[in-house]
Amino acid sequence: MDDYSALGAATGGAVATAVVSGPGGVTKALRRGETLEGWRLVAVDRSKLTFERNGLRRVIVVGAPAAGLAQAAQPKPEPTAPGLE
């Protein structure tokens, strides 16, 4: 995922679409739920895209260059029961 950058995102109603640029400048449009190199697009908003694979998450900031600006993979937070925080 480090070789990809987010060019833009559009949301409306139940549909969310992102446009990413990958190695060699190849662009691809993805809808929420689709995968890219095994990473599922789980959230789209105007400023960032969130991908998930095997419990790890990656966030790509829209407009940021690909090299080094994607957040490192992080474990998915465990849900907590009310009153146990």
PDB file of N, CA and C in Angstrom:
ATOM      1  N   MET A   1       0.807  -1.192   0.000  1.00  0.00           N
ATOM      2  CA  MET A   1       0.000   0.000   0.000  1.00  0.00           C
ATOM      3  C   MET A   1       0.853   1.260   0.000  1.00  0.00           C
ATOM      4  N   ASP A   2       2.126   1.148   0.375  1.00  0.00           N
ATOM      5  CA  ASP A   2       2.969   2.341   0.422  1.00  0.00           C
ATOM      6  C   ASP A   2       3.183   2.966  -0.949  1.00  0.00           C
ATOM      7  N   ASP A   3       2.938   2.202  -2.018  1.00  0.00           N
ATOM      8  CA  ASP A   3       3.133   2.722  -3.369  1.00  0.00           C
ATOM      9  C   ASP A   3       1.888   3.403  -3.916  1.00  0.00           C
ATOM     10  N   TYR A   4       0.841   3.520  -3.109  1.00  0.00           N
ATOM     11  CA  TYR A   4      -0.423   4.110  -3.564  1.00  0.00           C
ATOM     12  C   TYR A   4      -0.669   5.459  -2.906  1.00  0.00           C
ATOM     13  N   SER A   5      -1.299   6.345  -3.663  1.00  0.00           N
ATOM     14  CA  SER A   5      -1.737   7.619  -3.106  1.00  0.00           C
ATOM     15  C   SER A   5      -3.210   7.802  -3.449  1.00  0.00           C
ATOM     16  N   ALA A   6      -3.901   8.548  -2.616  1.00  0.00           N
ATOM     17  CA  ALA A   6      -5.324   8.815  -2.820  1.00  0.00           C
ATOM     18  C   ALA A   6      -5.466  10.132  -3.581  1.00  0.00           C
ATOM     19  N   LEU A   7      -6.058  10.050  -4.763  1.00  0.00           N
ATOM     20  CA  LEU A   7      -6.247  11.242  -5.588  1.00  0.00           C
ATOM     21  C   LEU A   7      -7.530  11.976  -5.240  1.00  0.00           C
ATOM     22  N   GLY A   8      -8.543  11.249  -4.768  1.00  0.00           N
ATOM     23  CA  GLY A   8      -9.806  11.887  -4.437  1.00  0.00           C
ATOM     24  C   GLY A   8     -10.799  10.899  -3.879  1.00  0.00           C
ATOM     25  N   ALA A   9     -11.881  11.449  -3.324  1.00  0.00           N
ATOM     26  CA  ALA A   9     -12.934  10.625  -2.756  1.00  0.00           C
ATOM     27  C   ALA A   9     -14.258  11.343  -2.919  1.00  0.00           C
ATOM     28  N   ALA A  10     -15.314  10.565  -3.144  1.00  0.00           N
ATOM     29  CA  ALA A  10     -16.661  11.122  -3.266  1.00  0.00           C
ATOM     30  C   ALA A  10     -17.612  10.248  -2.472  1.00  0.00           C
ATOM     31  N   THR A  11     -18.465  10.881  -1.691  1.00  0.00           N
ATOM     32  CA  THR A  11     -19.453  10.140  -0.921  1.00  0.00           C
ATOM     33  C   THR A  11     -20.819  10.750  -1.164  1.00  0.00           C
ATOM     34  N   GLY A  12     -21.827   9.907  -1.135  1.00  0.00           N
ATOM     35  CA  GLY A  12     -23.191  10.370  -1.305  1.00  0.00           C
ATOM     36  C   GLY A  12     -24.149   9.237  -1.025  1.00  0.00           C
ATOM     37  N   GLY A  13     -24.985   9.418  -0.031  1.00  0.00           N
ATOM     38  CA  GLY A  13     -25.907   8.352   0.320  1.00  0.00           C
ATOM     39  C   GLY A  13     -25.154   7.118   0.748  1.00  0.00           C
ATOM     40  N   ALA A  14     -25.505   5.981   0.195  1.00  0.00           N
ATOM     41  CA  ALA A  14     -24.869   4.711   0.564  1.00  0.00           C
ATOM     42  C   ALA A  14     -23.636   4.412  -0.279  1.00  0.00           C
ATOM     43  N   VAL A  15     -23.314   5.274  -1.246  1.00  0.00           N
ATOM     44  CA  VAL A  15     -22.197   5.009  -2.157  1.00  0.00           C
ATOM     45  C   VAL A  15     -21.004   5.892  -1.799  1.00  0.00           C
ATOM     46  N   ALA A  16     -19.821   5.274  -1.715  1.00  0.00           N
ATOM     47  CA  ALA A  16     -18.577   5.995  -1.489  1.00  0.00           C
ATOM     48  C   ALA A  16     -17.552   5.457  -2.470  1.00  0.00           C
ATOM     49  N   THR A  17     -16.899   6.343  -3.203  1.00  0.00           N
ATOM     50  CA  THR A  17     -15.931   5.943  -4.215  1.00  0.00           C
ATOM     51  C   THR A  17     -14.625   6.698  -3.988  1.00  0.00           C
ATOM     52  N   ALA A  18     -13.515   5.998  -4.185  1.00  0.00           N
ATOM     53  CA  ALA A  18     -12.197   6.598  -4.061  1.00  0.00           C
ATOM     54  C   ALA A  18     -11.426   6.372  -5.351  1.00  0.00           C
ATOM     55  N   VAL A  19     -10.527   7.308  -5.661  1.00  0.00           N
ATOM     56  CA  VAL A  19      -9.635   7.155  -6.809  1.00  0.00           C
ATOM     57  C   VAL A  19      -8.217   7.154  -6.261  1.00  0.00           C
ATOM     58  N   VAL A  20      -7.486   6.074  -6.563  1.00  0.00           N
ATOM     59  CA  VAL A  20      -6.111   5.939  -6.097  1.00  0.00           C
ATOM     60  C   VAL A  20      -5.169   5.832  -7.289  1.00  0.00           C
ATOM     61  N   SER A  21      -3.929   6.230  -7.056  1.00  0.00           N
ATOM     62  CA  SER A  21      -2.874   6.111  -8.056  1.00  0.00           C
ATOM     63  C   SER A  21      -1.833   5.148  -7.504  1.00  0.00           C
ATOM     64  N   GLY A  22      -1.444   4.187  -8.331  1.00  0.00           N
ATOM     65  CA  GLY A  22      -0.498   3.170  -7.888  1.00  0.00           C
ATOM     66  C   GLY A  22       0.808   3.227  -8.637  1.00  0.00           C
ATOM     67  N   PRO A  23       1.584   2.158  -8.526  1.00  0.00           N
ATOM     68  CA  PRO A  23       2.871   2.090  -9.209  1.00  0.00           C
ATOM     69  C   PRO A  23       2.726   2.381 -10.701  1.00  0.00           C
ATOM     70  N   GLY A  24       3.622   3.196 -11.221  1.00  0.00           N
ATOM     71  CA  GLY A  24       3.591   3.546 -12.636  1.00  0.00           C
ATOM     72  C   GLY A  24       2.521   4.568 -12.981  1.00  0.00           C
ATOM     73  N   GLY A  25       1.875   5.146 -11.962  1.00  0.00           N
ATOM     74  CA  GLY A  25       0.856   6.150 -12.210  1.00  0.00           C
ATOM     75  C   GLY A  25      -0.489   5.597 -12.640  1.00  0.00           C
ATOM     76  N   VAL A  26      -0.674   4.278 -12.532  1.00  0.00           N
ATOM     77  CA  VAL A  26      -1.942   3.654 -12.903  1.00  0.00           C
ATOM     78  C   VAL A  26      -3.007   4.069 -11.898  1.00  0.00           C
ATOM     79  N   THR A  27      -4.150   4.560 -12.382  1.00  0.00           N
ATOM     80  CA  THR A  27      -5.227   4.958 -11.489  1.00  0.00           C
ATOM     81  C   THR A  27      -6.325   3.908 -11.467  1.00  0.00           C
ATOM     82  N   LYS A  28      -7.004   3.843 -10.322  1.00  0.00           N
ATOM     83  CA  LYS A  28      -8.085   2.884 -10.159  1.00  0.00           C
ATOM     84  C   LYS A  28      -9.152   3.509  -9.275  1.00  0.00           C
ATOM     85  N   ALA A  29     -10.419   3.294  -9.649  1.00  0.00           N
ATOM     86  CA  ALA A  29     -11.546   3.719  -8.825  1.00  0.00           C
ATOM     87  C   ALA A  29     -12.017   2.530  -8.003  1.00  0.00           C
ATOM     88  N   LEU A  30     -12.266   2.765  -6.731  1.00  0.00           N
ATOM     89  CA  LEU A  30     -12.715   1.710  -5.812  1.00  0.00           C
ATOM     90  C   LEU A  30     -13.947   2.181  -5.066  1.00  0.00           C
ATOM     91  N   ARG A  31     -14.874   1.267  -4.858  1.00  0.00           N
ATOM     92  CA  ARG A  31     -16.016   1.547  -3.986  1.00  0.00           C
ATOM     93  C   ARG A  31     -15.757   0.913  -2.633  1.00  0.00           C
ATOM     94  N   ARG A  32     -16.406   1.448  -1.614  1.00  0.00           N
ATOM     95  CA  ARG A  32     -16.279   0.865  -0.277  1.00  0.00           C
ATOM     96  C   ARG A  32     -16.620  -0.626  -0.356  1.00  0.00           C
ATOM     97  N   GLY A  33     -15.755  -1.464   0.235  1.00  0.00           N
ATOM     98  CA  GLY A  33     -15.935  -2.913   0.208  1.00  0.00           C
ATOM     99  C   GLY A  33     -15.065  -3.615  -0.816  1.00  0.00           C
ATOM    100  N   GLU A  34     -14.567  -2.904  -1.820  1.00  0.00           N
ATOM    101  CA  GLU A  34     -13.695  -3.522  -2.826  1.00  0.00           C
ATOM    102  C   GLU A  34     -12.269  -3.626  -2.279  1.00  0.00           C
ATOM    103  N   THR A  35     -11.457  -4.482  -2.933  1.00  0.00           N
ATOM    104  CA  THR A  35     -10.101  -4.707  -2.448  1.00  0.00           C
ATOM    105  C   THR A  35      -9.052  -4.225  -3.441  1.00  0.00           C
ATOM    106  N   LEU A  36      -7.892  -3.927  -2.885  1.00  0.00           N
ATOM    107  CA  LEU A  36      -6.722  -3.506  -3.646  1.00  0.00           C
ATOM    108  C   LEU A  36      -5.520  -4.212  -3.018  1.00  0.00           C
ATOM    109  N   GLU A  37      -4.897  -5.124  -3.759  1.00  0.00           N
ATOM    110  CA  GLU A  37      -3.758  -5.909  -3.269  1.00  0.00           C
ATOM    111  C   GLU A  37      -4.071  -6.567  -1.927  1.00  0.00           C
ATOM    112  N   GLY A  38      -5.287  -7.084  -1.787  1.00  0.00           N
ATOM    113  CA  GLY A  38      -5.679  -7.779  -0.570  1.00  0.00           C
ATOM    114  C   GLY A  38      -6.188  -6.882   0.548  1.00  0.00           C
ATOM    115  N   TRP A  39      -6.127  -5.565   0.366  1.00  0.00           N
ATOM    116  CA  TRP A  39      -6.613  -4.611   1.363  1.00  0.00           C
ATOM    117  C   TRP A  39      -8.029  -4.182   0.984  1.00  0.00           C
ATOM    118  N   ARG A  40      -8.994  -4.341   1.902  1.00  0.00           N
ATOM    119  CA  ARG A  40     -10.386  -3.959   1.655  1.00  0.00           C
ATOM    120  C   ARG A  40     -10.596  -2.499   2.061  1.00  0.00           C
ATOM    121  N   LEU A  41     -11.214  -1.732   1.170  1.00  0.00           N
ATOM    122  CA  LEU A  41     -11.551  -0.341   1.464  1.00  0.00           C
ATOM    123  C   LEU A  41     -12.756  -0.340   2.403  1.00  0.00           C
ATOM    124  N   VAL A  42     -12.538   0.078   3.655  1.00  0.00           N
ATOM    125  CA  VAL A  42     -13.598  -0.005   4.664  1.00  0.00           C
ATOM    126  C   VAL A  42     -14.219   1.340   4.994  1.00  0.00           C
ATOM    127  N   ALA A  43     -13.533   2.439   4.687  1.00  0.00           N
ATOM    128  CA  ALA A  43     -14.095   3.762   4.980  1.00  0.00           C
ATOM    129  C   ALA A  43     -13.553   4.783   3.986  1.00  0.00           C
ATOM    130  N   VAL A  44     -14.449   5.670   3.565  1.00  0.00           N
ATOM    131  CA  VAL A  44     -14.085   6.735   2.629  1.00  0.00           C
ATOM    132  C   VAL A  44     -14.646   8.038   3.173  1.00  0.00           C
ATOM    133  N   ASP A  45     -13.797   9.049   3.301  1.00  0.00           N
ATOM    134  CA  ASP A  45     -14.314  10.393   3.536  1.00  0.00           C
ATOM    135  C   ASP A  45     -13.497  11.364   2.705  1.00  0.00           C
ATOM    136  N   ARG A  46     -13.837  12.636   2.757  1.00  0.00           N
ATOM    137  CA  ARG A  46     -13.203  13.617   1.861  1.00  0.00           C
ATOM    138  C   ARG A  46     -11.701  13.714   2.046  1.00  0.00           C
ATOM    139  N   SER A  47     -11.202  13.421   3.246  1.00  0.00           N
ATOM    140  CA  SER A  47      -9.786  13.641   3.515  1.00  0.00           C
ATOM    141  C   SER A  47      -8.939  12.380   3.631  1.00  0.00           C
ATOM    142  N   LYS A  48      -9.593  11.202   3.741  1.00  0.00           N
ATOM    143  CA  LYS A  48      -8.783   9.990   3.906  1.00  0.00           C
ATOM    144  C   LYS A  48      -9.546   8.741   3.493  1.00  0.00           C
ATOM    145  N   LEU A  49      -8.762   7.697   3.180  1.00  0.00           N
ATOM    146  CA  LEU A  49      -9.288   6.375   2.847  1.00  0.00           C
ATOM    147  C   LEU A  49      -8.736   5.402   3.882  1.00  0.00           C
ATOM    148  N   THR A  50      -9.584   4.489   4.359  1.00  0.00           N
ATOM    149  CA  THR A  50      -9.135   3.501   5.333  1.00  0.00           C
ATOM    150  C   THR A  50      -9.288   2.107   4.739  1.00  0.00           C
ATOM    151  N   PHE A  51      -8.174   1.371   4.736  1.00  0.00           N
ATOM    152  CA  PHE A  51      -8.130   0.006   4.227  1.00  0.00           C
ATOM    153  C   PHE A  51      -7.861  -0.937   5.391  1.00  0.00           C
ATOM    154  N   GLU A  52      -8.343  -2.181   5.274  1.00  0.00           N
ATOM    155  CA  GLU A  52      -8.139  -3.179   6.323  1.00  0.00           C
ATOM    156  C   GLU A  52      -7.792  -4.526   5.705  1.00  0.00           C
ATOM    157  N   ARG A  53      -6.874  -5.238   6.384  1.00  0.00           N
ATOM    158  CA  ARG A  53      -6.504  -6.601   5.982  1.00  0.00           C
ATOM    159  C   ARG A  53      -6.002  -7.344   7.215  1.00  0.00           C
ATOM    160  N   ASN A  54      -6.586  -8.508   7.492  1.00  0.00           N
ATOM    161  CA  ASN A  54      -6.147  -9.365   8.600  1.00  0.00           C
ATOM    162  C   ASN A  54      -6.072  -8.606   9.930  1.00  0.00           C
ATOM    163  N   GLY A  55      -7.049  -7.744  10.192  1.00  0.00           N
ATOM    164  CA  GLY A  55      -7.088  -7.008  11.452  1.00  0.00           C
ATOM    165  C   GLY A  55      -6.195  -5.791  11.511  1.00  0.00           C
ATOM    166  N   LEU A  56      -5.468  -5.498  10.434  1.00  0.00           N
ATOM    167  CA  LEU A  56      -4.616  -4.313  10.377  1.00  0.00           C
ATOM    168  C   LEU A  56      -5.310  -3.245   9.547  1.00  0.00           C
ATOM    169  N   ARG A  57      -5.065  -1.995   9.882  1.00  0.00           N
ATOM    170  CA  ARG A  57      -5.653  -0.881   9.128  1.00  0.00           C
ATOM    171  C   ARG A  57      -4.559   0.022   8.580  1.00  0.00           C
ATOM    172  N   ARG A  58      -4.830   0.564   7.394  1.00  0.00           N
ATOM    173  CA  ARG A  58      -3.971   1.566   6.763  1.00  0.00           C
ATOM    174  C   ARG A  58      -4.837   2.744   6.388  1.00  0.00           C
ATOM    175  N   VAL A  59      -4.369   3.932   6.666  1.00  0.00           N
ATOM    176  CA  VAL A  59      -5.073   5.151   6.284  1.00  0.00           C
ATOM    177  C   VAL A  59      -4.212   5.878   5.266  1.00  0.00           C
ATOM    178  N   ILE A  60      -4.826   6.253   4.141  1.00  0.00           N
ATOM    179  CA  ILE A  60      -4.135   7.034   3.117  1.00  0.00           C
ATOM    180  C   ILE A  60      -4.821   8.394   3.058  1.00  0.00           C
ATOM    181  N   VAL A  61      -4.055   9.447   3.247  1.00  0.00           N
ATOM    182  CA  VAL A  61      -4.581  10.805   3.235  1.00  0.00           C
ATOM    183  C   VAL A  61      -4.745  11.261   1.790  1.00  0.00           C
ATOM    184  N   VAL A  62      -5.922  11.791   1.468  1.00  0.00           N
ATOM    185  CA  VAL A  62      -6.193  12.282   0.112  1.00  0.00           C
ATOM    186  C   VAL A  62      -5.260  13.455  -0.184  1.00  0.00           C
ATOM    187  N   GLY A  63      -4.578  13.372  -1.308  1.00  0.00           N
ATOM    188  CA  GLY A  63      -3.681  14.435  -1.751  1.00  0.00           C
ATOM    189  C   GLY A  63      -2.243  14.292  -1.296  1.00  0.00           C
ATOM    190  N   ALA A  64      -1.968  13.376  -0.373  1.00  0.00           N
ATOM    191  CA  ALA A  64      -0.603  13.188   0.112  1.00  0.00           C
ATOM    192  C   ALA A  64       0.172  12.299  -0.859  1.00  0.00           C
ATOM    193  N   PRO A  65       1.464  12.564  -1.051  1.00  0.00           N
ATOM    194  CA  PRO A  65       2.269  11.685  -1.899  1.00  0.00           C
ATOM    195  C   PRO A  65       2.331  10.277  -1.306  1.00  0.00           C
ATOM    196  N   ALA A  66       2.563   9.284  -2.135  1.00  0.00           N
ATOM    197  CA  ALA A  66       2.577   7.894  -1.688  1.00  0.00           C
ATOM    198  C   ALA A  66       3.727   7.598  -0.734  1.00  0.00           C
ATOM    199  N   ALA A  67       4.892   8.069  -1.003  1.00  0.00           N
ATOM    200  CA  ALA A  67       6.090   7.685  -0.248  1.00  0.00           C
ATOM    201  C   ALA A  67       6.071   8.188   1.187  1.00  0.00           C
ATOM    202  N   GLY A  68       5.946   7.244   2.114  1.00  0.00           N
ATOM    203  CA  GLY A  68       6.148   7.546   3.516  1.00  0.00           C
ATOM    204  C   GLY A  68       5.038   8.261   4.257  1.00  0.00           C
ATOM    205  N   LEU A  69       3.966   8.667   3.603  1.00  0.00           N
ATOM    206  CA  LEU A  69       2.939   9.414   4.318  1.00  0.00           C
ATOM    207  C   LEU A  69       1.718   8.596   4.684  1.00  0.00           C
ATOM    208  N   ALA A  70       1.652   7.356   4.221  1.00  0.00           N
ATOM    209  CA  ALA A  70       0.558   6.489   4.673  1.00  0.00           C
ATOM    210  C   ALA A  70       0.867   6.066   6.103  1.00  0.00           C
ATOM    211  N   GLN A  71      -0.132   6.035   6.944  1.00  0.00           N
ATOM    212  CA  GLN A  71       0.095   5.632   8.333  1.00  0.00           C
ATOM    213  C   GLN A  71       0.468   4.159   8.389  1.00  0.00           C
ATOM    214  N   ALA A  72       1.312   3.833   9.348  1.00  0.00           N
ATOM    215  CA  ALA A  72       1.735   2.441   9.519  1.00  0.00           C
ATOM    216  C   ALA A  72       0.540   1.574   9.888  1.00  0.00           C
ATOM    217  N   ALA A  73       0.627   0.318   9.513  1.00  0.00           N
ATOM    218  CA  ALA A  73      -0.446  -0.627   9.851  1.00  0.00           C
ATOM    219  C   ALA A  73      -0.586  -0.708  11.364  1.00  0.00           C
ATOM    220  N   GLN A  74      -1.831  -0.654  11.811  1.00  0.00           N
ATOM    221  CA  GLN A  74      -2.113  -0.687  13.238  1.00  0.00           C
ATOM    222  C   GLN A  74      -3.161  -1.751  13.515  1.00  0.00           C
ATOM    223  N   PRO A  75      -3.074  -2.388  14.688  1.00  0.00           N
ATOM    224  CA  PRO A  75      -4.124  -3.348  15.028  1.00  0.00           C
ATOM    225  C   PRO A  75      -5.471  -2.652  15.146  1.00  0.00           C
ATOM    226  N   LYS A  76      -6.510  -3.343  14.756  1.00  0.00           N
ATOM    227  CA  LYS A  76      -7.868  -2.828  14.877  1.00  0.00           C
ATOM    228  C   LYS A  76      -8.210  -2.751  16.363  1.00  0.00           C
ATOM    229  N   PRO A  77      -8.737  -1.613  16.842  1.00  0.00           N
ATOM    230  CA  PRO A  77      -9.026  -1.503  18.267  1.00  0.00           C
ATOM    231  C   PRO A  77     -10.096  -2.501  18.704  1.00  0.00           C
ATOM    232  N   GLU A  78      -9.917  -3.043  19.900  1.00  0.00           N
ATOM    233  CA  GLU A  78     -10.877  -3.978  20.475  1.00  0.00           C
ATOM    234  C   GLU A  78     -12.059  -3.195  21.025  1.00  0.00           C
ATOM    235  N   PRO A  79     -13.266  -3.665  20.794  1.00  0.00           N
ATOM    236  CA  PRO A  79     -14.423  -2.976  21.367  1.00  0.00           C
ATOM    237  C   PRO A  79     -14.427  -3.147  22.883  1.00  0.00           C
ATOM    238  N   THR A  80     -14.934  -2.139  23.589  1.00  0.00           N
ATOM    239  CA  THR A  80     -15.022  -2.216  25.033  1.00  0.00           C
ATOM    240  C   THR A  80     -16.476  -2.168  25.447  1.00  0.00           C
ATOM    241  N   ALA A  81     -16.772  -2.864  26.514  1.00  0.00           N
ATOM    242  CA  ALA A  81     -18.137  -2.871  27.032  1.00  0.00           C
ATOM    243  C   ALA A  81     -18.378  -1.570  27.801  1.00  0.00           C
ATOM    244  N   PRO A  82     -19.602  -1.054  27.789  1.00  0.00           N
ATOM    245  CA  PRO A  82     -19.890   0.175  28.551  1.00  0.00           C
ATOM    246  C   PRO A  82     -19.518  -0.005  30.003  1.00  0.00           C
ATOM    247  N   GLY A  83     -18.900   1.028  30.560  1.00  0.00           N
ATOM    248  CA  GLY A  83     -18.512   1.006  31.964  1.00  0.00           C
ATOM    249  C   GLY A  83     -17.162   0.376  32.230  1.00  0.00           C
ATOM    250  N   LEU A  84     -16.506  -0.197  31.201  1.00  0.00           N
ATOM    251  CA  LEU A  84     -15.196  -0.829  31.392  1.00  0.00           C
ATOM    252  C   LEU A  84     -14.065  -0.011  30.798  1.00  0.00           C
ATOM    253  N   GLU A  85     -14.317   1.219  30.489  1.00  0.00           N
ATOM    254  CA  GLU A  85     -13.296   2.056  29.839  1.00  0.00           C
ATOM    255  C   GLU A  85     -12.304   2.581  30.827  1.00  0.00           C
TER     256      GLU A  85
END
